[in-house]
Amino acid sequence: MVRIILGAIVGFIVWTFLLLGSDQIWIALSPDWYGRHQTDFGLAVTNKTPFTADTAVMIIAVIRSAIFSLVTGLIAALIAKENFKSPLLLGVFLLAFGCFIHSMILNNVPVWYHILILLPLIPLTILGGKLRKSREMAI
């Protein structure tokens, strides 16, 4: 049980670092487009002012979230030495925290963005956990 919880916690921390780190990379690579978008978005959320999000930036975020969910589901499964409970718990943690964050940006982005980020979290972490089994079979 400890390994299951530890796997989910480590997965959550890794997911967060991957998201924040990749965001900083995108900002460094494209300060005039991505960086400006993120700065303006942060100001709009803080000041509760209208904001029109860039569709390309939102699609990048959806793709990153999906990839990070798969990777961290695998990490959680490797730590827990099982491929379902820990990735499931990770997905629940990510969904709970994601709902909290998305409640703060509810009016700043379209509904499709919330759906494409939040709904796949649990299935993708579980799928990532199942990659552990596939990997072991290949060895």
Protein backbone atom coordinates (compact mmCIF):
# COMPACT_ATOMS: atom_id res chain seq x y z
CA MET A 1 0.00 0.00 0.00
CA VAL A 2 2.85 2.38 0.80
CA ARG A 3 4.38 1.78 -2.65
CA ILE A 4 1.04 2.53 -4.32
CA ILE A 5 0.69 5.86 -2.52
CA LEU A 6 4.37 6.69 -3.03
CA GLY A 7 4.10 5.92 -6.75
CA ALA A 8 1.10 8.23 -7.10
CA ILE A 9 2.77 11.04 -5.13
CA VAL A 10 6.01 10.79 -7.12
CA GLY A 11 3.98 10.65 -10.34
CA PHE A 12 2.11 13.81 -9.34
CA ILE A 13 5.35 15.63 -8.52
CA VAL A 14 6.99 14.52 -11.79
CA TRP A 15 3.88 15.54 -13.79
CA THR A 16 4.01 18.99 -12.18
CA PHE A 17 7.74 19.41 -12.85
CA LEU A 18 7.30 18.29 -16.46
CA LEU A 19 4.47 20.75 -16.98
CA LEU A 20 6.22 23.70 -15.36
CA GLY A 21 9.58 22.86 -16.94
CA SER A 22 8.19 22.45 -20.44
CA ASP A 23 6.25 25.68 -20.01
CA GLN A 24 9.49 27.50 -19.22
CA ILE A 25 11.15 25.93 -22.26
CA TRP A 26 8.30 27.11 -24.50
CA ILE A 27 8.52 30.59 -22.97
CA ALA A 28 12.30 30.70 -23.57
CA LEU A 29 11.96 29.44 -27.15
CA SER A 30 9.13 31.80 -28.05
CA PRO A 31 8.96 34.79 -25.71
CA ASP A 32 7.06 36.95 -28.19
CA TRP A 33 4.31 34.42 -28.85
CA TYR A 34 4.06 31.77 -26.14
CA GLY A 35 5.69 33.88 -23.43
CA ARG A 36 3.43 36.86 -24.11
CA HIS A 37 0.39 34.59 -24.18
CA GLN A 38 1.26 33.08 -20.79
CA THR A 39 1.97 36.50 -19.25
CA ASP A 40 -1.29 37.95 -20.55
CA PHE A 41 -3.16 34.83 -19.44
CA GLY A 42 -1.73 35.08 -15.92
CA LEU A 43 -2.68 38.75 -15.70
CA ALA A 44 -6.22 38.04 -16.91
CA VAL A 45 -6.68 35.31 -14.30
CA THR A 46 -5.22 37.45 -11.52
CA ASN A 47 -7.19 40.56 -12.45
CA LYS A 48 -10.32 38.62 -13.48
CA THR A 49 -10.35 40.37 -16.84
CA PRO A 50 -11.46 39.00 -20.23
CA PHE A 51 -8.91 37.04 -22.21
CA THR A 52 -8.96 35.30 -25.56
CA ALA A 53 -6.71 32.26 -25.39
CA ASP A 54 -4.65 31.24 -28.40
CA THR A 55 -5.96 27.93 -29.79
CA ALA A 56 -2.46 26.72 -30.71
CA VAL A 57 -1.21 27.29 -27.16
CA MET A 58 -4.19 25.40 -25.77
CA ILE A 59 -3.59 22.47 -28.16
CA ILE A 60 0.06 22.36 -27.09
CA ALA A 61 -1.11 22.21 -23.45
CA VAL A 62 -3.53 19.36 -24.21
CA ILE A 63 -0.82 17.35 -25.99
CA ARG A 64 1.69 17.97 -23.19
CA SER A 65 -0.85 16.93 -20.56
CA ALA A 66 -1.59 13.70 -22.42
CA ILE A 67 2.09 12.80 -22.82
CA PHE A 68 2.90 13.67 -19.20
CA SER A 69 -0.06 11.61 -17.97
CA LEU A 70 1.18 8.55 -19.86
CA VAL A 71 4.76 8.98 -18.66
CA THR A 72 3.86 9.57 -15.04
CA GLY A 73 1.38 6.69 -15.05
CA LEU A 74 4.30 4.48 -16.08
CA ILE A 75 6.51 6.01 -13.37
CA ALA A 76 3.84 5.42 -10.73
CA ALA A 77 3.48 1.79 -11.85
CA LEU A 78 7.23 1.22 -11.79
CA ILE A 79 7.53 2.60 -8.27
CA ALA A 80 4.48 0.69 -7.00
CA LYS A 81 5.50 -2.50 -8.82
CA GLU A 82 1.93 -2.88 -10.04
CA ASN A 83 0.21 -1.32 -12.99
CA PHE A 84 -3.28 -0.25 -11.96
CA LYS A 85 -3.84 1.08 -8.43
CA SER A 86 -1.00 3.58 -8.34
CA PRO A 87 -1.70 5.03 -11.83
CA LEU A 88 -5.40 5.21 -10.93
CA LEU A 89 -4.62 7.07 -7.70
CA LEU A 90 -2.30 9.37 -9.63
CA GLY A 91 -5.08 10.08 -12.12
CA VAL A 92 -7.47 10.89 -9.28
CA PHE A 93 -4.89 13.26 -7.72
CA LEU A 94 -4.31 14.96 -11.08
CA LEU A 95 -8.04 15.27 -11.76
CA ALA A 96 -8.78 16.71 -8.30
CA PHE A 97 -5.98 19.25 -8.54
CA GLY A 98 -6.83 19.96 -12.19
CA CYS A 99 -10.46 20.69 -11.30
CA PHE A 100 -9.26 23.11 -8.64
CA ILE A 101 -6.95 24.91 -11.10
CA HIS A 102 -9.51 24.90 -13.90
CA SER A 103 -12.14 26.38 -11.58
CA MET A 104 -9.92 29.47 -11.40
CA ILE A 105 -9.60 29.78 -15.19
CA LEU A 106 -13.12 28.66 -16.05
CA ASN A 107 -14.06 31.81 -17.93
CA ASN A 108 -10.67 32.41 -19.57
CA VAL A 109 -10.60 29.38 -21.88
CA PRO A 110 -13.24 27.53 -23.92
CA VAL A 111 -15.09 24.50 -22.55
CA TRP A 112 -13.37 22.13 -25.01
CA TYR A 113 -10.03 22.93 -23.37
CA HIS A 114 -11.27 21.93 -19.91
CA ILE A 115 -12.76 18.72 -21.30
CA LEU A 116 -9.65 17.72 -23.28
CA ILE A 117 -7.33 18.39 -20.34
CA LEU A 118 -9.37 16.96 -17.46
CA LEU A 119 -11.32 13.97 -18.81
CA PRO A 120 -8.32 12.02 -20.19
CA LEU A 121 -6.23 12.32 -17.01
CA ILE A 122 -7.38 9.09 -15.33
CA PRO A 123 -7.57 6.93 -18.49
CA LEU A 124 -4.14 8.11 -19.67
CA THR A 125 -2.42 7.52 -16.32
CA ILE A 126 -3.93 4.02 -16.25
CA LEU A 127 -2.78 3.44 -19.83
CA GLY A 128 0.68 4.66 -18.84
CA GLY A 129 0.64 2.17 -15.97
CA LYS A 130 -0.24 -0.62 -18.39
CA LEU A 131 2.91 0.24 -20.37
CA ARG A 132 4.82 -1.25 -17.45
CA LYS A 133 3.29 -4.64 -18.17
CA SER A 134 3.97 -4.33 -21.89
CA ARG A 135 7.56 -3.34 -21.22
CA GLU A 136 8.13 -6.34 -18.92
CA MET A 137 6.68 -8.72 -21.50
CA ALA A 138 9.04 -7.36 -24.15
CA ILE A 139 12.11 -8.00 -21.99
